[in-house]
Amino acid sequence: MTVLAGTDSYGTPELPHGRVAGEVRHLAAAPMPAAAAIGAASWTARSFLGFPGLGHDAPADLVAYDVDPRSDLAVLHTPVRVIHRGRIVR
């Protein structure tokens, strides 16, 4: 069975869009191994949608953290760098 993370919320002040990091934490509490929960929102989802992984000439989508999120899922809320389609957005 494939588990994917995502949100279908319309967003409100109380529950804004962009809560995938929280969903990953809920998956880990389910319990799902942290690496599998992170994968549900990243590499597993990317593969399921048919997008290539990172590689030569592939579109670069990357999120970087100060700490390995597999050891501390709380850092998912505070990335230090976000690259989307090869452009630094944060």
C-alpha atoms as a PDB file:
ATOM      1  CA  MET A   1       0.000   0.000   0.000  1.00  0.00           C
ATOM      2  CA  THR A   2       1.254   3.486  -0.868  1.00  0.00           C
ATOM      3  CA  VAL A   3       0.636   6.299   1.624  1.00  0.00           C
ATOM      4  CA  LEU A   4       0.910   9.884   0.400  1.00  0.00           C
ATOM      5  CA  ALA A   5       0.722  13.104   2.392  1.00  0.00           C
ATOM      6  CA  GLY A   6      -1.191  16.125   1.205  1.00  0.00           C
ATOM      7  CA  THR A   7      -3.875  18.554   2.141  1.00  0.00           C
ATOM      8  CA  ASP A   8      -7.207  19.273   0.567  1.00  0.00           C
ATOM      9  CA  SER A   9      -8.067  22.123   2.917  1.00  0.00           C
ATOM     10  CA  TYR A  10      -9.383  25.380   1.505  1.00  0.00           C
ATOM     11  CA  GLY A  11      -7.439  27.274   4.130  1.00  0.00           C
ATOM     12  CA  THR A  12      -8.779  29.495   6.876  1.00  0.00           C
ATOM     13  CA  PRO A  13      -6.990  31.687   9.425  1.00  0.00           C
ATOM     14  CA  GLU A  14      -7.258  28.777  11.875  1.00  0.00           C
ATOM     15  CA  LEU A  15      -6.219  26.078   9.374  1.00  0.00           C
ATOM     16  CA  PRO A  16      -4.179  27.650   6.553  1.00  0.00           C
ATOM     17  CA  HIS A  17      -2.787  25.790   3.540  1.00  0.00           C
ATOM     18  CA  GLY A  18       0.685  24.348   3.834  1.00  0.00           C
ATOM     19  CA  ARG A  19       0.075  21.965   6.701  1.00  0.00           C
ATOM     20  CA  VAL A  20       1.842  19.017   5.089  1.00  0.00           C
ATOM     21  CA  ALA A  21       4.604  19.146   7.724  1.00  0.00           C
ATOM     22  CA  GLY A  22       1.961  18.580  10.391  1.00  0.00           C
ATOM     23  CA  GLU A  23       0.486  15.712   8.412  1.00  0.00           C
ATOM     24  CA  VAL A  24       3.918  14.079   8.229  1.00  0.00           C
ATOM     25  CA  ARG A  25       4.167  14.327  12.016  1.00  0.00           C
ATOM     26  CA  HIS A  26       0.712  12.714  12.342  1.00  0.00           C
ATOM     27  CA  LEU A  27       1.783   9.861  10.042  1.00  0.00           C
ATOM     28  CA  ALA A  28       4.859   9.282  12.214  1.00  0.00           C
ATOM     29  CA  ALA A  29       2.630   9.216  15.292  1.00  0.00           C
ATOM     30  CA  ALA A  30       0.361   6.638  13.583  1.00  0.00           C
ATOM     31  CA  PRO A  31       3.079   5.008  13.891  1.00  0.00           C
ATOM     32  CA  MET A  32       4.918   5.108  10.586  1.00  0.00           C
ATOM     33  CA  PRO A  33       8.728   5.275  10.454  1.00  0.00           C
ATOM     34  CA  ALA A  34       9.910   8.894  10.129  1.00  0.00           C
ATOM     35  CA  ALA A  35      11.651   8.234   6.792  1.00  0.00           C
ATOM     36  CA  ALA A  36       8.454   6.725   5.329  1.00  0.00           C
ATOM     37  CA  ALA A  37       6.346   9.628   6.639  1.00  0.00           C
ATOM     38  CA  ILE A  38       8.735  12.163   5.073  1.00  0.00           C
ATOM     39  CA  GLY A  39       8.719  10.125   1.866  1.00  0.00           C
ATOM     40  CA  ALA A  40       4.915  10.280   1.773  1.00  0.00           C
ATOM     41  CA  ALA A  41       5.271  14.053   1.297  1.00  0.00           C
ATOM     42  CA  SER A  42       8.349  14.005  -0.930  1.00  0.00           C
ATOM     43  CA  TRP A  43      10.133  11.244  -2.860  1.00  0.00           C
ATOM     44  CA  THR A  44       7.299   8.691  -2.672  1.00  0.00           C
ATOM     45  CA  ALA A  45       4.736  11.287  -3.756  1.00  0.00           C
ATOM     46  CA  ARG A  46       7.048  12.580  -6.503  1.00  0.00           C
ATOM     47  CA  SER A  47       7.521   9.069  -7.872  1.00  0.00           C
ATOM     48  CA  PHE A  48       3.780   8.317  -7.644  1.00  0.00           C
ATOM     49  CA  LEU A  49       3.050  11.460  -9.688  1.00  0.00           C
ATOM     50  CA  GLY A  50       5.605  10.417 -12.314  1.00  0.00           C
ATOM     51  CA  PHE A  51       8.148  13.174 -11.653  1.00  0.00           C
ATOM     52  CA  PRO A  52      11.858  12.344 -11.903  1.00  0.00           C
ATOM     53  CA  GLY A  53      14.132  12.285  -8.882  1.00  0.00           C
ATOM     54  CA  LEU A  54      17.049  14.671  -8.558  1.00  0.00           C
ATOM     55  CA  GLY A  55      19.632  14.057 -11.234  1.00  0.00           C
ATOM     56  CA  HIS A  56      21.521  15.651 -14.107  1.00  0.00           C
ATOM     57  CA  ASP A  57      19.182  17.964 -16.083  1.00  0.00           C
ATOM     58  CA  ALA A  58      16.202  17.086 -13.853  1.00  0.00           C
ATOM     59  CA  PRO A  59      14.093  19.956 -12.495  1.00  0.00           C
ATOM     60  CA  ALA A  60      15.464  20.737  -9.039  1.00  0.00           C
ATOM     61  CA  ASP A  61      12.979  20.765  -6.177  1.00  0.00           C
ATOM     62  CA  LEU A  62      14.727  20.656  -2.828  1.00  0.00           C
ATOM     63  CA  VAL A  63      14.053  21.545   0.792  1.00  0.00           C
ATOM     64  CA  ALA A  64      17.040  21.767   3.167  1.00  0.00           C
ATOM     65  CA  TYR A  65      17.125  21.722   6.965  1.00  0.00           C
ATOM     66  CA  ASP A  66      19.764  22.364   9.647  1.00  0.00           C
ATOM     67  CA  VAL A  67      18.973  18.973  11.205  1.00  0.00           C
ATOM     68  CA  ASP A  68      18.094  15.658   9.568  1.00  0.00           C
ATOM     69  CA  PRO A  69      14.269  15.647   9.738  1.00  0.00           C
ATOM     70  CA  ARG A  70      14.277  11.870  10.183  1.00  0.00           C
ATOM     71  CA  SER A  71      15.678  12.484  13.668  1.00  0.00           C
ATOM     72  CA  ASP A  72      13.538  15.567  14.459  1.00  0.00           C
ATOM     73  CA  LEU A  73      10.301  15.998  12.486  1.00  0.00           C
ATOM     74  CA  ALA A  74       9.728  19.401  14.116  1.00  0.00           C
ATOM     75  CA  VAL A  75      12.294  20.932  11.724  1.00  0.00           C
ATOM     76  CA  LEU A  76       9.882  20.324   8.824  1.00  0.00           C
ATOM     77  CA  HIS A  77       8.198  23.589   9.855  1.00  0.00           C
ATOM     78  CA  THR A  78      11.430  25.618   9.485  1.00  0.00           C
ATOM     79  CA  PRO A  79      13.391  24.846   6.314  1.00  0.00           C
ATOM     80  CA  VAL A  80      16.588  26.834   5.804  1.00  0.00           C
ATOM     81  CA  ARG A  81      16.458  26.619   1.990  1.00  0.00           C
ATOM     82  CA  VAL A  82      13.749  25.844  -0.562  1.00  0.00           C
ATOM     83  CA  ILE A  83      14.545  25.382  -4.252  1.00  0.00           C
ATOM     84  CA  HIS A  84      11.635  25.019  -6.672  1.00  0.00           C
ATOM     85  CA  ARG A  85      12.268  24.260 -10.358  1.00  0.00           C
ATOM     86  CA  GLY A  86      15.887  25.288  -9.920  1.00  0.00           C
ATOM     87  CA  ARG A  87      15.137  28.672  -8.318  1.00  0.00           C
ATOM     88  CA  ILE A  88      15.839  29.551  -4.695  1.00  0.00           C
ATOM     89  CA  VAL A  89      12.540  30.669  -3.171  1.00  0.00           C
ATOM     90  CA  ARG A  90      13.693  30.720   0.448  1.00  0.00           C
END
